[in-house]
């Protein structure tokens, strides 16, 4: 039979026992950290695979033919399209804080059969869900209208319903076929 009272009086035995307990605790902690790291690695690999797939889709879309309109969509026509997209995405007419239309020069600076008109729409606060719905309803590829750019900045402070809010600028472009000859 082991005499624990005698063993606990020896400093070397106490030190050895304490060291063994600490090593066991350190091993358990290390195993848990390694498991957590492995989970993080698996999630990172999954994210990487998804990112690669999305990048490939973006590259494929770059070469998709674009449709050009034969006439410029009027300002009232674009305003009507924007109004309908606002309603479809659950936003009010006052959601857009700034709108600006610009006729862009041709890419090479020379006469071209194509012109581009850009309209910038600025939102001070919009949720990502509303922005996606707005952009989906805003595009009209049959008339050469597409959402070319989205500029997003997180709005600090959040909202009461825990949905992230963004400051966004949506750049809508219309490609117009306008023969020079």
Foldseek 3Di string as FASTA:
>chain_A
DDDVVVQVVDPVSVVVVVVVVVVVVVVVVVVVVVVVVVVVVVVVVVVVVVVVVVVVVVVVVVPPDADAAADDQDPVNLVVLLCVLCVQLVHHPVQWPDKDKDWDADPVNDDDQKTKIKMKTKGQKDFPSSVVSSQVSNADRNHQKHFDDKDWDWDPPADPVNGTIITIITMIMHMHGHDPD
